[in-house]
Amino acid sequence: MYIDFSKLSPTQTYHTIIQTVIPRPIAWVLTENDNGSHNLAPFSFFAPVSSSPPILMISVGNKSENDKKDTARNIIEKKQCVVHIADQSLVEPMNASAQSLGYDESEIELLGLTTVEFEGSALPRLKAAPVAYACEFYEMKVIGDAPMSLLFLEIKHAYINDEIAQQGEDRLSIDAGKLDPLARLGGNDYSGLSESYTLERKP
């Protein structure tokens, strides 16, 4: 099958991409609303893009043509967020947190999730998430007709559950099987790590 993307609608393009660029990691992003409550939302257009400085990127669409989603609005205005990596045990609340709520309503309160203080961060982290990154807003690039806001986030601090991590002589080693991260497929499908293997890199 040959596909000419110039002949696809934005919806057709979206569904083609998300069903082939798989699996995708999920950024479960906590931000602060104007009333001090916390917004929580998942994004699978998400990737690490730099290690020096340590930068993550999430791509966030608008609610409507001129109305940004709460996550983007909060990050742009307050310059901070916490990006979580969820494991398989959190799939139900993670999926439920994608629902649309009014601004200043909290998914964390709605879903009964527990947060704890995050050292080095003005925002808390989700207690149950095995990985959390405290991030500051770095820059934004707006692309496309939709449009999409590419939010670049600089990692300032991280929490990693001790049960999945081991400090080596010169680097941290994370047990991917114990992390057991959620991954996004197409449609309403998700995946975990069914198998992993190691390949030596050619010199």
Protein backbone atom coordinates (compact mmCIF):
# COMPACT_ATOMS: atom_id res chain seq x y z
CA MET A 1 0.00 0.00 0.00
CA TYR A 2 1.32 3.42 -1.00
CA ILE A 3 0.00 6.47 0.83
CA ASP A 4 0.23 10.05 -0.39
CA PHE A 5 -0.07 12.17 2.77
CA SER A 6 -0.99 15.25 0.75
CA LYS A 7 -4.31 13.55 -0.04
CA LEU A 8 -5.16 12.62 3.56
CA SER A 9 -7.32 14.62 5.94
CA PRO A 10 -5.76 15.54 9.31
CA THR A 11 -7.81 12.76 10.96
CA GLN A 12 -6.66 10.18 8.42
CA THR A 13 -3.06 11.32 8.86
CA TYR A 14 -3.34 11.08 12.64
CA HIS A 15 -4.70 7.53 12.60
CA THR A 16 -2.08 6.38 10.10
CA ILE A 17 0.77 7.74 12.23
CA ILE A 18 -0.45 6.52 15.63
CA GLN A 19 -1.00 2.98 14.35
CA THR A 20 2.47 2.68 12.84
CA VAL A 21 4.73 4.67 15.17
CA ILE A 22 4.35 2.15 17.97
CA PRO A 23 4.78 1.58 20.81
CA ARG A 24 4.89 5.17 22.08
CA PRO A 25 5.82 6.11 25.65
CA ILE A 26 3.22 8.03 27.62
CA ALA A 27 3.93 11.27 29.49
CA TRP A 28 1.47 11.54 32.39
CA VAL A 29 1.73 15.25 33.10
CA LEU A 30 0.79 17.02 36.34
CA THR A 31 0.39 20.81 36.29
CA GLU A 32 -1.10 23.43 38.59
CA ASN A 33 -4.43 25.13 37.86
CA ASP A 34 -5.17 28.74 38.76
CA ASN A 35 -7.09 27.70 41.87
CA GLY A 36 -4.15 25.66 43.18
CA SER A 37 -5.62 22.26 42.28
CA HIS A 38 -3.68 19.91 40.02
CA ASN A 39 -4.44 18.89 36.45
CA LEU A 40 -3.32 15.46 35.24
CA ALA A 41 -3.35 14.31 31.61
CA PRO A 42 -1.61 11.69 29.41
CA PHE A 43 0.23 12.45 26.14
CA SER A 44 1.74 9.89 23.77
CA PHE A 45 3.25 12.38 21.33
CA PHE A 46 6.17 12.48 23.73
CA ALA A 47 9.92 11.94 23.56
CA PRO A 48 13.30 12.77 25.08
CA VAL A 49 15.10 15.10 22.66
CA SER A 50 18.34 16.11 24.39
CA SER A 51 20.59 15.06 27.28
CA SER A 52 22.56 18.31 27.53
CA PRO A 53 20.45 20.10 28.56
CA PRO A 54 18.10 17.27 29.58
CA ILE A 55 14.98 18.03 27.53
CA LEU A 56 11.67 16.22 27.08
CA MET A 57 9.08 17.21 24.48
CA ILE A 58 5.31 16.78 24.53
CA SER A 59 3.02 17.71 21.66
CA VAL A 60 -0.32 19.17 22.77
CA GLY A 61 -3.27 19.98 20.53
CA ASN A 62 -5.82 22.70 21.25
CA LYS A 63 -9.29 22.15 22.72
CA SER A 64 -10.54 24.37 19.92
CA GLU A 65 -9.00 26.77 17.42
CA ASN A 66 -8.08 29.43 19.98
CA ASP A 67 -8.37 27.52 23.26
CA LYS A 68 -5.32 25.69 24.58
CA LYS A 69 -5.65 22.49 26.57
CA ASP A 70 -5.26 22.93 30.32
CA THR A 71 -1.84 21.24 30.39
CA ALA A 72 -0.35 23.58 27.79
CA ARG A 73 -1.94 26.65 29.37
CA ASN A 74 -0.65 25.74 32.83
CA ILE A 75 2.89 24.99 31.64
CA ILE A 76 3.13 28.20 29.62
CA GLU A 77 1.75 30.34 32.46
CA LYS A 78 3.39 28.68 35.46
CA LYS A 79 6.58 27.41 33.80
CA GLN A 80 6.62 24.02 35.54
CA CYS A 81 5.20 20.51 35.46
CA VAL A 82 5.87 16.96 36.59
CA VAL A 83 6.10 14.25 33.93
CA HIS A 84 5.37 10.73 35.18
CA ILE A 85 6.06 7.37 33.59
CA ALA A 86 3.18 5.07 34.53
CA ASP A 87 3.44 1.31 34.94
CA GLN A 88 0.85 -1.34 34.06
CA SER A 89 -0.86 -1.09 37.45
CA LEU A 90 -1.87 2.51 36.63
CA VAL A 91 -3.51 1.91 33.26
CA GLU A 92 -7.09 2.51 34.47
CA PRO A 93 -6.52 5.89 36.20
CA MET A 94 -4.14 6.96 33.43
CA ASN A 95 -6.80 6.26 30.80
CA ALA A 96 -9.52 7.91 32.89
CA SER A 97 -7.41 11.06 33.30
CA ALA A 98 -7.74 11.73 29.56
CA GLN A 99 -11.40 12.75 29.97
CA SER A 100 -12.33 16.39 29.49
CA LEU A 101 -12.99 18.35 32.68
CA GLY A 102 -13.65 22.01 33.23
CA TYR A 103 -10.66 24.22 33.93
CA ASP A 104 -9.73 24.21 37.64
CA GLU A 105 -11.27 20.74 38.05
CA SER A 106 -8.73 18.15 39.18
CA GLU A 107 -8.37 14.66 37.71
CA ILE A 108 -6.32 13.76 40.78
CA GLU A 109 -9.19 14.56 43.11
CA LEU A 110 -11.76 12.94 40.80
CA LEU A 111 -9.80 9.69 40.59
CA GLY A 112 -8.72 9.62 44.23
CA LEU A 113 -5.00 9.56 43.41
CA THR A 114 -2.43 10.28 46.09
CA THR A 115 0.35 12.83 45.66
CA VAL A 116 3.46 13.29 47.78
CA GLU A 117 6.04 16.03 48.15
CA PHE A 118 8.66 15.99 45.41
CA GLU A 119 12.07 17.13 46.61
CA GLY A 120 13.39 19.97 44.45
CA SER A 121 9.96 20.65 42.96
CA ALA A 122 7.24 23.15 43.85
CA LEU A 123 4.74 20.59 42.54
CA PRO A 124 4.01 17.18 44.06
CA ARG A 125 4.35 13.86 42.27
CA LEU A 126 2.01 10.89 42.06
CA LYS A 127 2.92 8.47 44.83
CA ALA A 128 2.17 5.36 42.75
CA ALA A 129 4.18 6.30 39.64
CA PRO A 130 7.62 4.62 39.52
CA VAL A 131 9.27 7.53 37.65
CA ALA A 132 8.68 11.27 37.88
CA TYR A 133 10.53 14.21 36.30
CA ALA A 134 10.26 17.70 37.76
CA CYS A 135 10.48 19.96 34.72
CA GLU A 136 10.65 23.64 33.87
CA PHE A 137 9.28 25.16 30.68
CA TYR A 138 12.16 25.59 28.21
CA GLU A 139 10.51 26.78 25.00
CA MET A 140 7.53 26.25 22.72
CA LYS A 141 7.15 25.86 18.98
CA VAL A 142 3.71 25.98 17.35
CA ILE A 143 3.30 23.99 14.13
CA GLY A 144 0.56 23.09 11.67
CA ASP A 145 -2.90 24.40 10.94
CA ALA A 146 -4.55 22.65 13.89
CA PRO A 147 -2.26 23.88 15.59
CA MET A 148 0.00 21.71 17.77
CA SER A 149 2.11 23.17 20.56
CA LEU A 150 5.48 21.46 20.95
CA LEU A 151 6.44 22.07 24.57
CA PHE A 152 10.08 21.56 25.43
CA LEU A 153 10.63 20.81 29.11
CA GLU A 154 13.96 20.87 30.94
CA ILE A 155 14.34 18.17 33.58
CA LYS A 156 15.52 19.60 36.88
CA HIS A 157 14.99 16.67 39.25
CA ALA A 158 13.87 13.05 39.00
CA TYR A 159 12.33 10.46 41.28
CA ILE A 160 12.94 6.80 40.45
CA ASN A 161 11.59 4.00 42.61
CA ASP A 162 14.50 2.23 44.33
CA GLU A 163 13.02 -1.16 43.43
CA ILE A 164 13.65 -0.63 39.72
CA ALA A 165 17.02 1.17 39.88
CA GLN A 166 20.59 0.28 40.76
CA GLN A 167 23.45 2.76 40.90
CA GLY A 168 26.48 1.42 39.05
CA GLU A 169 30.03 2.70 39.12
CA ASP A 170 29.48 5.26 36.37
CA ARG A 171 25.78 5.15 35.47
CA LEU A 172 22.31 4.32 36.73
CA SER A 173 20.83 1.02 35.63
CA ILE A 174 17.03 0.71 35.33
CA ASP A 175 15.36 -2.70 35.19
CA ALA A 176 12.87 -2.24 32.33
CA GLY A 177 10.95 -5.36 33.32
CA LYS A 178 10.39 -4.07 36.84
CA LEU A 179 9.48 -0.62 35.52
CA ASP A 180 6.92 -2.32 33.23
CA PRO A 181 5.95 0.95 31.50
CA LEU A 182 2.70 1.57 29.69
CA ALA A 183 2.96 2.17 25.96
CA ARG A 184 0.39 3.56 23.54
CA LEU A 185 -0.61 1.83 20.34
CA GLY A 186 -3.32 2.88 17.87
CA GLY A 187 -6.97 3.45 18.69
CA ASN A 188 -7.72 2.49 22.29
CA ASP A 189 -4.91 -0.06 22.48
CA TYR A 190 -2.07 -0.14 25.01
CA SER A 191 0.91 -2.40 25.47
CA GLY A 192 3.48 -3.43 28.04
CA LEU A 193 6.88 -5.07 27.73
CA SER A 194 6.25 -8.62 26.56
CA GLU A 195 9.89 -9.31 25.72
CA SER A 196 13.20 -7.49 25.76
CA TYR A 197 16.65 -8.44 24.53
CA THR A 198 20.14 -7.00 24.41
CA LEU A 199 22.25 -6.43 21.30
CA GLU A 200 25.88 -5.36 21.38
CA ARG A 201 26.50 -2.20 19.40
CA LYS A 202 28.96 -2.54 16.52
CA PRO A 203 32.20 -0.56 17.06
